[in-house]
Amino acid sequence: MLCAMSASAQQPAESIESVFSPRVVATGPSDAYIGLSRMPDGEIRHYNYGEQAAAGNFYISSRDSGMTWKRVDYPRGMAMADIQSPVSGEFIRVVNMGRYGVYCIRTVGGEKGDRTLRKVSDIPSIMIKPPVFVRSGKRIVVAAHGGVSPKGCYTYVSDDDGLSWTRSNTVITPEHKGGGHHKGIRWNHGAVEPTVVELNDGRLWMLMRTPHDNHYEAFSEDGGLTWGEPRPSRFYGTITMPTIGRLSDGRLLMFWCNTTPLPELASANGVWDDVFTNRDVTHVAISDDDGKTWTGFRELSMDPLRNEPDYALRGGGIDRGMHQAQFVEVAPGKIIAAIGQHPLHRRIVAFDTGWLYEGERADSFADGLDNWSTFNYIKGIKGHCSYNRINGAELAEHPDNPGRNVMKLRYGKADSLVSDVRGAVWNFPAMRSGSFKASVKLPEGSNGLSLMLNDRWFNPSDTVARHESMYRLTLDRKKLGIKDDKWHTVSIDWNLDNGRSPMAVVKVDGRKRNIKMPLLNGSIDGISYVHFMAEPVAGKAPDSNPGMMIEYVQAVKKP
């Protein structure tokens, strides 16, 4: 099934029951990490407080499970307390009030009653997450960071329904040291923007944003009062926010950017970010066994402006992209998720969790390049740590079937780009055992082409992907046994559980080729990406390289 970002997928559904694959249903009034609430009568609200909020005192409201929305204005000072306690029925929110510290806003008499303020901490916190109710609702845990040295994150805990609070110890993660592919050091902002969920054994599980390649995790044995030593989690993600929560049937749902940024520039000194290059896609996965294994790893939402030449400054040079998420379950397995930052980028998406269990995906470019990441970055950091972009791949009419599209990918020298390597990146459901195939045309003279299978998103132009990939195949006519300019089907079959160093099998037009493809890097959750790349070749004139065409791709999970 094709992905969420096609034009047809953005049309309103008749009802939430008809929603399966993701579809855009609204634009959030503020950044996505707070403000989304489900009221006792089933109404869904997204308040406009938080960063980059639209002007006015209002929220957007849906009374049909997120399919249609309208603006509702409210009196000044009425909002904020928007998460309901399962014990008292009062609504609670912990907020930062700058130099005055942190306060709990709590209703008296329900959502339409008065609001009271209770002091939580003299130390200011930022990016304070919505309350999580644990121990059958008798304890409230709120995750936050800021105001502490050394830098780290922590939780506020209340056992009296928000009347009094205790802060936990600070969770501190190692600093990024640079080296390897990096010329500089990533922004060492510490462990921040934590998300917390209660596990079935009573422990609390925290995942947090860090400057490393992975989100870090920590566990609490006493309900959030103290946290153990953090460690890298299974989830890739760098300087982006994770969000985890539990569904009504007990399954866990995880939202994050399963992405890796470009290597750091020489000017990056660990004090501030040089440029954000991994906030173009939000992913989602689901666990049926309390976090031991995960399914999906699918692209939920792709930045609609990801290929734009004025990406960095359109709408103002401020935070943008698809990182940050919050979700509510509106019916069993039916999810409404707020995603992203900046009014031109963020969106509210509806989907069914059954979509995460699909075992195959295909694309024949009927929706153009909507389902692909294909951009290159233009040199020169603009606005808030952003590059402008160009589309590095070309959509063209099928040379043999008028009315159909193909993707053309070829290297083109361009000194104006951060990297003039051209690439195309496409996501499919994560598979430990699977088969990927592509119908390709490799004209005489094609060179510098490769196909990589990976378990996370890399920038299309990022050559680090070939070092981190599970498998890599050079798309060379001689190696593949191709002797003409016709269409040929190239397939790769893999089973990551087949021995200590499982080999992949390469076939061309259904016939096995004698090509050794060892596993280059292990993967916990399986392969979920193909990455086509076109690079320069020493001694070869770029203008003489015709590149390649791709007419369709398909990935299928194997038992």
Protein backbone atom coordinates (compact mmCIF):
# COMPACT_ATOMS: atom_id res chain seq x y z
CA MET A 1 0.00 0.00 0.00
CA LEU A 2 1.34 3.40 -0.92
CA CYS A 3 2.13 5.97 1.72
CA ALA A 4 0.33 8.81 3.40
CA MET A 5 1.57 11.76 1.44
CA SER A 6 -0.20 11.24 -1.88
CA ALA A 7 -2.86 13.75 -2.86
CA SER A 8 -5.61 11.16 -2.48
CA ALA A 9 -4.48 10.35 1.04
CA GLN A 10 -5.10 13.94 2.12
CA GLN A 11 -8.81 13.90 1.28
CA PRO A 12 -11.15 13.85 4.31
CA ALA A 13 -12.49 10.43 5.22
CA GLU A 14 -16.19 9.77 5.68
CA SER A 15 -15.53 8.43 9.17
CA ILE A 16 -12.67 7.27 11.34
CA GLU A 17 -13.70 3.67 10.62
CA SER A 18 -12.74 4.15 6.97
CA VAL A 19 -9.21 5.32 7.81
CA PHE A 20 -6.39 2.82 7.45
CA SER A 21 -3.19 4.27 5.99
CA PRO A 22 -2.23 7.76 7.21
CA ARG A 23 -4.12 10.79 5.97
CA VAL A 24 -3.76 14.45 6.84
CA VAL A 25 -6.90 15.80 8.52
CA ALA A 26 -5.83 19.23 9.84
CA THR A 27 -2.99 21.62 10.65
CA GLY A 28 -2.15 22.03 14.32
CA PRO A 29 -2.38 25.53 15.82
CA SER A 30 1.01 25.16 17.59
CA ASP A 31 4.03 22.89 17.73
CA ALA A 32 3.06 19.28 18.24
CA TYR A 33 4.42 18.14 21.59
CA ILE A 34 1.60 19.57 23.77
CA GLY A 35 -1.97 20.73 23.38
CA LEU A 36 -3.65 17.62 21.91
CA SER A 37 -6.38 16.32 24.23
CA ARG A 38 -9.34 13.97 24.20
CA MET A 39 -12.25 15.12 26.35
CA PRO A 40 -14.57 12.81 28.33
CA ASP A 41 -17.36 13.14 25.73
CA GLY A 42 -15.01 12.13 22.88
CA GLU A 43 -14.29 15.64 21.60
CA ILE A 44 -10.69 16.10 20.44
CA ARG A 45 -9.00 19.43 21.01
CA HIS A 46 -5.67 20.86 20.01
CA TYR A 47 -4.95 24.03 22.00
CA ASN A 48 -2.78 26.77 20.55
CA TYR A 49 -0.33 27.09 23.42
CA GLY A 50 3.23 25.99 23.09
CA GLU A 51 5.91 27.16 20.66
CA GLN A 52 5.02 28.90 17.39
CA ALA A 53 1.36 29.14 18.37
CA ALA A 54 -1.19 30.85 16.17
CA ALA A 55 -2.42 34.16 17.60
CA GLY A 56 -5.50 34.30 19.79
CA ASN A 57 -7.13 32.33 22.59
CA PHE A 58 -8.58 29.28 20.88
CA TYR A 59 -8.33 25.60 20.20
CA ILE A 60 -9.37 23.53 17.20
CA SER A 61 -12.07 20.98 17.93
CA SER A 62 -13.27 17.76 16.33
CA ARG A 63 -16.43 15.91 17.32
CA ASP A 64 -16.16 13.19 14.66
CA SER A 65 -12.96 11.49 15.86
CA GLY A 66 -10.63 13.88 14.05
CA MET A 67 -12.15 13.87 10.56
CA THR A 68 -13.30 17.51 10.57
CA TRP A 69 -12.21 20.43 12.73
CA LYS A 70 -13.37 23.91 13.66
CA ARG A 71 -11.95 26.81 15.64
CA VAL A 72 -13.34 27.48 19.13
CA ASP A 73 -12.44 30.75 20.89
CA TYR A 74 -12.29 30.78 24.67
CA PRO A 75 -11.91 33.46 27.37
CA ARG A 76 -8.38 34.45 28.22
CA GLY A 77 -6.94 32.34 31.03
CA MET A 78 -9.39 29.48 30.65
CA ALA A 79 -7.18 26.87 29.00
CA MET A 80 -3.99 24.96 29.92
CA ALA A 81 -5.42 22.28 32.24
CA ASP A 82 -6.38 19.76 29.56
CA ILE A 83 -5.36 16.23 30.67
CA GLN A 84 -7.96 14.57 32.90
CA SER A 85 -7.06 12.69 36.07
CA PRO A 86 -8.64 9.21 36.08
CA VAL A 87 -8.95 9.45 39.88
CA SER A 88 -10.50 12.86 40.52
CA GLY A 89 -11.78 13.81 37.09
CA GLU A 90 -9.99 17.17 37.35
CA PHE A 91 -7.85 18.47 34.49
CA ILE A 92 -4.14 18.99 35.10
CA ARG A 93 -1.20 20.55 33.29
CA VAL A 94 2.31 21.42 34.53
CA VAL A 95 3.70 24.58 32.92
CA ASN A 96 6.83 26.69 32.96
CA MET A 97 6.38 30.33 34.04
CA GLY A 98 9.91 31.50 33.36
CA ARG A 99 11.63 33.21 36.26
CA TYR A 100 8.70 32.35 38.53
CA GLY A 101 9.40 28.63 38.18
CA VAL A 102 7.11 25.71 37.37
CA TYR A 103 3.44 25.52 38.36
CA CYS A 104 0.64 22.99 38.17
CA ILE A 105 -2.61 24.32 36.69
CA ARG A 106 -5.51 22.25 38.03
CA THR A 107 -9.23 22.59 37.63
CA VAL A 108 -11.75 22.67 40.46
CA GLY A 109 -15.08 21.35 39.28
CA GLY A 110 -13.95 19.98 35.93
CA GLU A 111 -13.08 21.55 32.59
CA LYS A 112 -15.62 24.37 32.97
CA GLY A 113 -14.69 25.07 36.58
CA ASP A 114 -12.06 27.33 38.11
CA ARG A 115 -8.29 26.96 37.68
CA THR A 116 -5.92 26.82 40.61
CA LEU A 117 -2.14 27.30 40.64
CA ARG A 118 0.22 25.15 42.71
CA LYS A 119 3.97 25.75 42.86
CA VAL A 120 5.92 22.75 41.58
CA SER A 121 9.50 24.04 41.50
CA ASP A 122 11.49 27.26 41.73
CA ILE A 123 13.74 25.94 38.97
CA PRO A 124 12.35 26.66 35.49
CA SER A 125 11.82 23.75 33.12
CA ILE A 126 11.21 23.73 29.38
CA MET A 127 9.41 21.46 26.92
CA ILE A 128 7.29 20.06 29.75
CA LYS A 129 5.37 17.01 28.55
CA PRO A 130 1.71 16.22 29.34
CA PRO A 131 1.04 14.34 32.60
CA VAL A 132 1.29 10.53 32.59
CA PHE A 133 -0.90 8.72 35.13
CA VAL A 134 0.69 5.54 36.56
CA ARG A 135 -0.07 3.09 39.35
CA SER A 136 -3.74 2.91 38.32
CA GLY A 137 -3.87 6.70 38.09
CA LYS A 138 -2.83 7.31 41.68
CA ARG A 139 0.52 8.86 40.72
CA ILE A 140 1.20 11.61 38.18
CA VAL A 141 4.56 11.72 36.38
CA VAL A 142 5.57 14.70 34.25
CA ALA A 143 8.76 14.61 32.16
CA ALA A 144 10.83 17.77 31.61
CA HIS A 145 14.31 19.22 31.37
CA GLY A 146 16.14 22.49 31.92
CA GLY A 147 17.34 24.63 34.81
CA VAL A 148 19.88 22.11 36.12
CA SER A 149 23.65 21.69 35.87
CA PRO A 150 25.05 19.45 34.55
CA LYS A 151 22.42 19.41 31.80
CA GLY A 152 19.92 16.58 31.85
CA CYS A 153 16.27 15.61 32.25
CA TYR A 154 14.05 14.51 35.13
CA THR A 155 10.47 13.90 36.21
CA TYR A 156 8.06 15.67 38.55
CA VAL A 157 5.97 13.25 40.65
CA SER A 158 2.70 13.81 42.52
CA ASP A 159 0.81 11.33 44.73
CA ASP A 160 -2.07 13.67 45.64
CA ASP A 161 -3.54 14.43 42.21
CA GLY A 162 -1.34 17.42 41.53
CA LEU A 163 -1.52 19.24 44.87
CA SER A 164 2.15 18.70 45.75
CA TRP A 165 5.17 17.58 43.76
CA THR A 166 8.64 16.02 44.08
CA ARG A 167 11.41 16.21 41.48
CA SER A 168 13.53 13.15 40.63
CA ASN A 169 17.28 12.92 40.18
CA THR A 170 18.69 14.24 36.91
CA VAL A 171 19.40 11.82 34.08
CA ILE A 172 22.72 12.75 32.46
CA THR A 173 24.06 11.27 29.22
CA PRO A 174 27.60 11.40 27.76
CA GLU A 175 28.65 14.22 25.48
CA HIS A 176 29.20 13.75 21.77
CA LYS A 177 32.93 13.59 21.07
CA GLY A 178 33.06 13.86 17.28
CA GLY A 179 35.56 11.92 15.20
CA GLY A 180 34.89 9.28 12.57
CA HIS A 181 32.76 10.82 9.84
CA HIS A 182 32.46 14.07 11.79
CA LYS A 183 34.74 17.06 11.34
CA GLY A 184 33.15 18.80 14.31
CA ILE A 185 31.13 18.03 17.44
CA ARG A 186 27.35 17.86 17.62
CA TRP A 187 25.36 20.22 19.79
CA ASN A 188 25.88 18.86 23.32
CA HIS A 189 22.56 19.89 24.83
CA GLY A 190 22.47 16.89 27.18
CA ALA A 191 19.54 14.53 27.75
CA VAL A 192 16.38 16.51 26.98
CA GLU A 193 12.72 16.26 25.90
CA PRO A 194 12.08 12.95 27.71
CA THR A 195 9.02 10.76 27.20
CA VAL A 196 7.81 8.27 29.83
CA VAL A 197 5.55 5.21 29.87
CA GLU A 198 4.69 2.67 32.59
CA LEU A 199 5.65 -0.94 31.81
CA ASN A 200 3.62 -3.97 32.81
CA ASP A 201 6.15 -4.94 35.50
CA GLY A 202 5.67 -1.57 37.23
CA ARG A 203 8.88 0.06 36.03
CA LEU A 204 8.84 3.37 34.21
CA TRP A 205 10.67 3.62 30.89
CA MET A 206 12.13 6.96 29.79
CA LEU A 207 13.38 7.72 26.29
CA MET A 208 15.16 11.00 25.66
CA ARG A 209 16.64 13.21 22.98
CA THR A 210 20.46 13.28 22.87
CA PRO A 211 23.22 14.39 20.47
CA HIS A 212 24.10 10.76 19.73
CA ASP A 213 22.95 8.46 16.91
CA ASN A 214 20.42 6.81 19.25
CA HIS A 215 17.83 8.00 21.70
CA TYR A 216 18.97 7.07 25.21
CA GLU A 217 16.79 5.19 27.69
CA ALA A 218 16.59 4.93 31.48
CA PHE A 219 14.36 3.02 33.89
CA SER A 220 12.81 3.81 37.26
CA GLU A 221 11.96 1.10 39.79
CA ASP A 222 10.12 3.46 42.16
CA GLY A 223 7.61 5.20 39.94
CA GLY A 224 9.75 8.07 38.66
CA LEU A 225 11.37 9.29 41.90
CA THR A 226 14.79 7.94 40.95
CA TRP A 227 16.19 6.91 37.57
CA GLY A 228 18.97 4.46 36.80
CA GLU A 229 21.95 4.99 34.54
CA PRO A 230 20.97 5.82 30.94
CA ARG A 231 22.11 3.79 27.96
CA PRO A 232 21.61 3.88 24.17
CA SER A 233 18.21 2.51 23.15
CA ARG A 234 17.34 0.50 20.03
CA PHE A 235 15.80 3.61 18.45
CA TYR A 236 17.94 5.72 16.14
CA GLY A 237 17.38 9.46 16.49
CA THR A 238 19.62 12.51 16.85
CA ILE A 239 18.63 15.86 18.42
CA THR A 240 14.96 15.05 17.85
CA MET A 241 12.06 14.35 20.22
CA PRO A 242 10.71 10.84 20.91
CA THR A 243 7.14 10.20 22.10
CA ILE A 244 5.92 6.90 23.53
CA GLY A 245 2.52 5.93 24.93
CA ARG A 246 0.18 3.03 25.62
CA LEU A 247 -2.99 2.13 23.75
CA SER A 248 -6.25 0.98 25.34
CA ASP A 249 -5.46 -2.68 24.54
CA GLY A 250 -2.01 -2.47 26.17
CA ARG A 251 0.16 -2.12 23.09
CA LEU A 252 2.90 0.52 23.03
CA LEU A 253 3.12 3.13 20.28
CA MET A 254 6.33 5.00 19.49
CA PHE A 255 6.78 8.18 17.42
CA TRP A 256 10.23 9.47 16.51
CA CYS A 257 12.49 10.54 13.64
CA ASN A 258 14.26 7.31 12.69
CA THR A 259 16.89 9.42 10.97
CA THR A 260 20.58 10.27 11.02
CA PRO A 261 21.85 13.78 10.11
CA LEU A 262 24.75 14.64 7.85
CA PRO A 263 28.18 14.49 9.53
CA GLU A 264 29.04 17.60 11.52
CA LEU A 265 30.85 20.47 9.86
CA ALA A 266 34.28 21.56 11.02
CA SER A 267 32.67 24.67 12.49
CA ALA A 268 30.45 22.62 14.85
CA ASN A 269 31.91 22.99 18.34
CA GLY A 270 29.26 21.32 20.51
CA VAL A 271 27.77 24.60 21.74
CA TRP A 272 24.93 25.02 19.24
CA ASP A 273 23.69 23.13 16.23
CA ASP A 274 25.36 24.01 12.93
CA VAL A 275 22.40 22.79 10.84
CA PHE A 276 19.49 20.38 11.32
CA THR A 277 19.48 17.78 8.54
CA ASN A 278 17.31 14.95 9.87
CA ARG A 279 13.89 16.40 10.64
CA ASP A 280 12.13 15.63 7.37
CA VAL A 281 10.34 12.41 8.34
CA THR A 282 8.39 11.17 11.39
CA HIS A 283 8.24 7.40 11.96
CA VAL A 284 5.97 5.19 14.02
CA ALA A 285 6.29 1.65 15.39
CA ILE A 286 4.17 -0.57 17.64
CA SER A 287 4.95 -3.24 20.24
CA ASP A 288 2.69 -6.13 21.28
CA ASP A 289 5.01 -7.38 24.04
CA ASP A 290 5.65 -4.33 26.22
CA GLY A 291 8.61 -3.04 24.23
CA LYS A 292 10.61 -6.25 23.74
CA THR A 293 9.99 -6.29 19.97
CA TRP A 294 8.65 -3.67 17.58
CA THR A 295 6.79 -3.68 14.28
CA GLY A 296 6.41 -1.02 11.60
CA PHE A 297 9.20 1.58 11.50
CA ARG A 298 7.10 3.31 8.85
CA GLU A 299 7.15 6.89 7.62
CA LEU A 300 4.05 8.47 9.09
CA SER A 301 4.59 11.98 7.75
CA MET A 302 7.09 13.50 5.33
CA ASP A 303 7.82 17.20 5.27
CA PRO A 304 5.73 18.67 2.44
CA LEU A 305 8.40 21.33 1.78
CA ARG A 306 11.41 19.02 1.89
CA ASN A 307 12.48 19.72 -1.73
CA GLU A 308 11.85 23.46 -1.77
CA PRO A 309 14.53 25.97 -2.83
CA ASP A 310 13.38 28.40 -0.11
CA TYR A 311 12.95 25.73 2.57
CA ALA A 312 15.06 27.54 5.17
CA LEU A 313 13.24 30.86 5.11
CA ARG A 314 9.70 30.26 3.84
CA GLY A 315 7.38 31.37 6.60
CA GLY A 316 10.28 32.89 8.56
CA GLY A 317 13.65 31.47 9.57
CA ILE A 318 12.42 29.62 12.67
CA ASP A 319 12.06 26.00 13.83
CA ARG A 320 10.57 23.71 11.21
CA GLY A 321 10.38 20.06 10.22
CA MET A 322 8.57 16.91 11.32
CA HIS A 323 10.11 16.27 14.73
CA GLN A 324 7.83 16.42 17.81
CA ALA A 325 4.67 14.36 18.21
CA GLN A 326 1.67 13.76 20.44
CA PHE A 327 -1.22 11.33 19.93
CA VAL A 328 -4.63 10.26 21.20
CA GLU A 329 -6.53 7.05 20.53
CA VAL A 330 -10.06 7.94 19.39
CA ALA A 331 -11.35 4.38 18.89
CA PRO A 332 -9.67 0.98 19.31
CA GLY A 333 -6.57 1.12 17.11
CA LYS A 334 -7.56 4.46 15.54
CA ILE A 335 -4.99 7.19 16.14
CA ILE A 336 -4.97 10.96 15.77
CA ALA A 337 -1.40 12.28 15.90
CA ALA A 338 -0.10 15.84 15.90
CA ILE A 339 3.25 16.02 14.12
CA GLY A 340 5.90 18.65 13.51
CA GLN A 341 6.87 22.28 13.98
CA HIS A 342 6.01 25.50 12.11
CA PRO A 343 2.60 26.20 10.52
CA LEU A 344 3.80 25.33 7.00
CA HIS A 345 5.21 21.97 8.11
CA ARG A 346 3.17 20.58 10.98
CA ARG A 347 0.03 18.52 10.49
CA ILE A 348 -2.52 16.34 12.24
CA VAL A 349 -2.66 12.79 10.86
CA ALA A 350 -5.19 9.96 11.28
CA PHE A 351 -4.24 6.30 10.85
CA ASP A 352 -5.12 2.76 11.91
CA THR A 353 -2.53 0.73 13.82
CA GLY A 354 -3.22 -2.17 11.43
CA TRP A 355 -1.22 -0.23 8.83
CA LEU A 356 1.89 -0.84 10.91
CA TYR A 357 1.52 -4.63 10.49
CA GLU A 358 1.50 -4.63 6.69
CA GLY A 359 4.12 -6.94 5.20
CA GLU A 360 4.73 -5.26 1.87
CA ARG A 361 4.86 -1.98 0.03
CA ALA A 362 5.29 -0.97 -3.61
CA ASP A 363 5.64 2.23 -5.60
CA SER A 364 5.40 2.86 -9.36
CA PHE A 365 5.60 6.69 -9.20
CA ALA A 366 1.89 7.16 -9.84
CA ASP A 367 2.12 9.84 -7.13
CA GLY A 368 5.34 11.23 -8.57
CA LEU A 369 8.10 11.45 -5.97
CA ASP A 370 5.69 12.05 -3.07
CA ASN A 371 6.81 8.88 -1.32
CA TRP A 372 10.56 9.51 -1.71
CA SER A 373 13.28 11.66 -0.18
CA THR A 374 15.40 12.94 -3.07
CA PHE A 375 16.71 16.40 -2.12
CA ASN A 376 20.18 17.94 -2.04
CA TYR A 377 21.23 20.84 0.17
CA ILE A 378 22.34 24.20 -1.21
CA LYS A 379 25.44 25.59 0.51
CA GLY A 380 24.85 28.38 3.01
CA ILE A 381 23.02 28.01 6.32
CA LYS A 382 19.93 30.19 6.43
CA GLY A 383 17.38 31.09 9.08
CA HIS A 384 17.30 28.77 12.08
CA CYS A 385 20.02 26.24 11.22
CA SER A 386 18.58 25.25 7.82
CA TYR A 387 19.68 24.74 4.25
CA ASN A 388 17.63 25.51 1.18
CA ARG A 389 17.22 22.51 -1.13
CA ILE A 390 16.90 21.27 -4.68
CA ASN A 391 15.28 18.07 -5.91
CA GLY A 392 18.20 15.78 -6.70
CA ALA A 393 16.20 13.24 -8.72
CA GLU A 394 14.01 13.74 -11.76
CA LEU A 395 10.50 12.53 -12.45
CA ALA A 396 10.12 11.73 -16.15
CA GLU A 397 7.60 10.20 -18.48
CA HIS A 398 8.09 6.47 -18.98
CA PRO A 399 10.02 6.06 -22.24
CA ASP A 400 8.05 2.95 -23.23
CA ASN A 401 4.65 3.50 -21.59
CA PRO A 402 3.24 7.00 -22.12
CA GLY A 403 1.12 8.15 -19.20
CA ARG A 404 3.34 6.47 -16.62
CA ASN A 405 6.25 7.95 -14.67
CA VAL A 406 9.77 6.82 -13.92
CA MET A 407 12.47 8.25 -11.69
CA LYS A 408 15.77 9.27 -13.27
CA LEU A 409 18.86 9.36 -11.07
CA ARG A 410 22.26 10.48 -12.25
CA TYR A 411 25.27 12.23 -10.77
CA GLY A 412 25.64 15.88 -11.69
CA LYS A 413 28.58 17.98 -10.62
CA ALA A 414 27.45 21.10 -8.74
CA ASP A 415 29.79 23.17 -6.56
CA SER A 416 26.78 25.02 -5.14
CA LEU A 417 25.66 21.95 -3.17
CA VAL A 418 26.84 20.71 0.21
CA SER A 419 27.21 17.34 -1.52
CA ASP A 420 26.47 16.80 -5.19
CA VAL A 421 26.00 13.06 -4.75
CA ARG A 422 22.44 12.32 -5.85
CA GLY A 423 20.23 9.89 -4.00
CA ALA A 424 16.70 8.58 -3.55
CA VAL A 425 15.43 7.09 -0.27
CA TRP A 426 12.24 5.02 0.15
CA ASN A 427 10.70 3.38 3.22
CA PHE A 428 8.90 0.05 3.67
CA PRO A 429 7.75 -1.96 6.73
CA ALA A 430 10.73 -3.22 8.76
CA MET A 431 11.73 -6.77 7.82
CA ARG A 432 14.28 -9.11 9.34
CA SER A 433 13.61 -11.45 6.44
CA GLY A 434 12.44 -10.00 3.18
CA SER A 435 12.83 -9.39 -0.52
CA PHE A 436 13.34 -6.11 -2.32
CA LYS A 437 13.09 -5.73 -6.08
CA ALA A 438 13.32 -2.87 -8.53
CA SER A 439 12.76 -2.60 -12.25
CA VAL A 440 15.68 -0.57 -13.56
CA LYS A 441 17.18 0.58 -16.84
CA LEU A 442 20.98 0.93 -16.89
CA PRO A 443 22.03 2.47 -20.21
CA GLU A 444 25.46 1.85 -21.66
CA GLY A 445 27.98 4.05 -19.89
CA SER A 446 26.17 4.18 -16.55
CA ASN A 447 28.56 4.29 -13.60
CA GLY A 448 28.81 5.27 -9.94
CA LEU A 449 25.42 3.73 -9.07
CA SER A 450 24.60 1.68 -6.00
CA LEU A 451 21.67 0.29 -4.03
CA MET A 452 21.80 0.07 -0.23
CA LEU A 453 19.44 -1.54 2.25
CA ASN A 454 19.32 0.13 5.66
CA ASP A 455 17.33 0.28 8.89
CA ARG A 456 16.95 4.05 9.11
CA TRP A 457 16.66 7.20 6.99
CA PHE A 458 19.82 8.86 5.77
CA ASN A 459 19.96 12.05 3.74
CA PRO A 460 19.79 11.13 0.04
CA SER A 461 23.26 12.65 -0.57
CA ASP A 462 24.90 11.20 2.56
CA THR A 463 27.64 8.71 1.65
CA VAL A 464 27.82 7.61 5.30
CA ALA A 465 24.79 5.48 4.44
CA ARG A 466 26.99 3.02 2.53
CA HIS A 467 29.14 2.48 5.63
CA GLU A 468 26.14 1.93 7.92
CA SER A 469 23.98 -0.15 5.58
CA MET A 470 23.12 -3.79 6.04
CA TYR A 471 23.72 -4.64 2.38
CA ARG A 472 25.20 -2.74 -0.56
CA LEU A 473 25.00 -3.65 -4.24
CA THR A 474 26.90 -1.90 -7.02
CA LEU A 475 24.56 -1.42 -9.96
CA ASP A 476 27.08 -2.29 -12.63
CA ARG A 477 25.97 -3.82 -15.94
CA LYS A 478 28.83 -6.29 -16.08
CA LYS A 479 28.41 -7.38 -12.48
CA LEU A 480 24.68 -7.85 -12.95
CA GLY A 481 25.03 -9.58 -16.34
CA ILE A 482 23.07 -6.87 -18.17
CA LYS A 483 24.06 -6.45 -21.83
CA ASP A 484 21.36 -4.15 -23.20
CA ASP A 485 19.44 -0.97 -22.43
CA LYS A 486 16.18 -2.75 -21.63
CA TRP A 487 14.30 -2.90 -18.32
CA HIS A 488 15.57 -5.53 -15.88
CA THR A 489 14.33 -6.62 -12.49
CA VAL A 490 17.02 -6.64 -9.81
CA SER A 491 16.09 -8.32 -6.53
CA ILE A 492 17.79 -8.86 -3.18
CA ASP A 493 16.61 -11.49 -0.68
CA TRP A 494 17.83 -11.47 2.91
CA ASN A 495 17.31 -13.18 6.25
CA LEU A 496 19.11 -11.47 9.12
CA ASP A 497 18.53 -14.55 11.31
CA ASN A 498 20.23 -16.96 8.90
CA GLY A 499 23.55 -17.59 10.59
CA ARG A 500 26.10 -15.29 12.16
CA SER A 501 26.86 -13.35 8.97
CA PRO A 502 23.92 -13.95 6.64
CA MET A 503 24.51 -13.46 2.93
CA ALA A 504 21.93 -11.78 0.74
CA VAL A 505 20.96 -13.35 -2.59
CA VAL A 506 20.98 -11.22 -5.75
CA LYS A 507 18.84 -12.09 -8.76
CA VAL A 508 18.44 -10.40 -12.13
CA ASP A 509 15.23 -11.18 -13.99
CA GLY A 510 14.67 -14.06 -11.58
CA ARG A 511 18.06 -15.71 -12.14
CA LYS A 512 20.54 -15.89 -9.27
CA ARG A 513 23.79 -14.02 -9.80
CA ASN A 514 27.10 -15.14 -8.37
CA ILE A 515 27.48 -12.01 -6.26
CA LYS A 516 28.63 -12.21 -2.67
CA MET A 517 26.66 -9.82 -0.43
CA PRO A 518 27.65 -10.29 3.22
CA LEU A 519 25.87 -8.53 6.05
CA LEU A 520 27.87 -5.34 6.61
CA ASN A 521 26.13 -4.15 9.80
CA GLY A 522 23.67 -5.79 12.14
CA SER A 523 20.15 -4.52 12.78
CA ILE A 524 17.91 -5.11 15.78
CA ASP A 525 14.56 -4.51 14.14
CA GLY A 526 15.19 -5.26 10.48
CA ILE A 527 15.64 -3.46 7.18
CA SER A 528 13.15 -0.71 6.35
CA TYR A 529 14.85 1.45 3.69
CA VAL A 530 16.28 1.29 0.21
CA HIS A 531 18.75 4.01 -0.76
CA PHE A 532 19.74 4.47 -4.41
CA MET A 533 22.85 6.60 -4.89
CA ALA A 534 24.67 8.17 -7.85
CA GLU A 535 28.24 9.25 -7.14
CA PRO A 536 31.15 10.60 -9.19
CA VAL A 537 33.69 8.11 -10.52
CA ALA A 538 37.36 9.03 -10.81
CA GLY A 539 38.41 9.38 -14.43
CA LYS A 540 34.85 9.47 -15.72
CA ALA A 541 33.35 12.64 -17.17
CA PRO A 542 30.07 13.41 -15.32
CA ASP A 543 28.36 14.68 -18.47
CA SER A 544 28.86 11.34 -20.19
CA ASN A 545 27.09 9.37 -17.43
CA PRO A 546 23.45 8.67 -18.31
CA GLY A 547 22.64 7.43 -14.82
CA MET A 548 19.67 5.10 -14.38
CA MET A 549 15.90 4.91 -14.52
CA ILE A 550 13.62 3.16 -12.03
CA GLU A 551 10.04 2.24 -13.00
CA TYR A 552 8.87 0.49 -9.83
CA VAL A 553 10.06 -0.86 -6.48
CA GLN A 554 8.59 -3.45 -4.13
CA ALA A 555 9.48 -4.88 -0.72
CA VAL A 556 7.84 -8.03 0.69
CA LYS A 557 8.29 -9.55 4.13
CA LYS A 558 9.18 -13.25 4.29
CA PRO A 559 8.25 -15.58 7.16
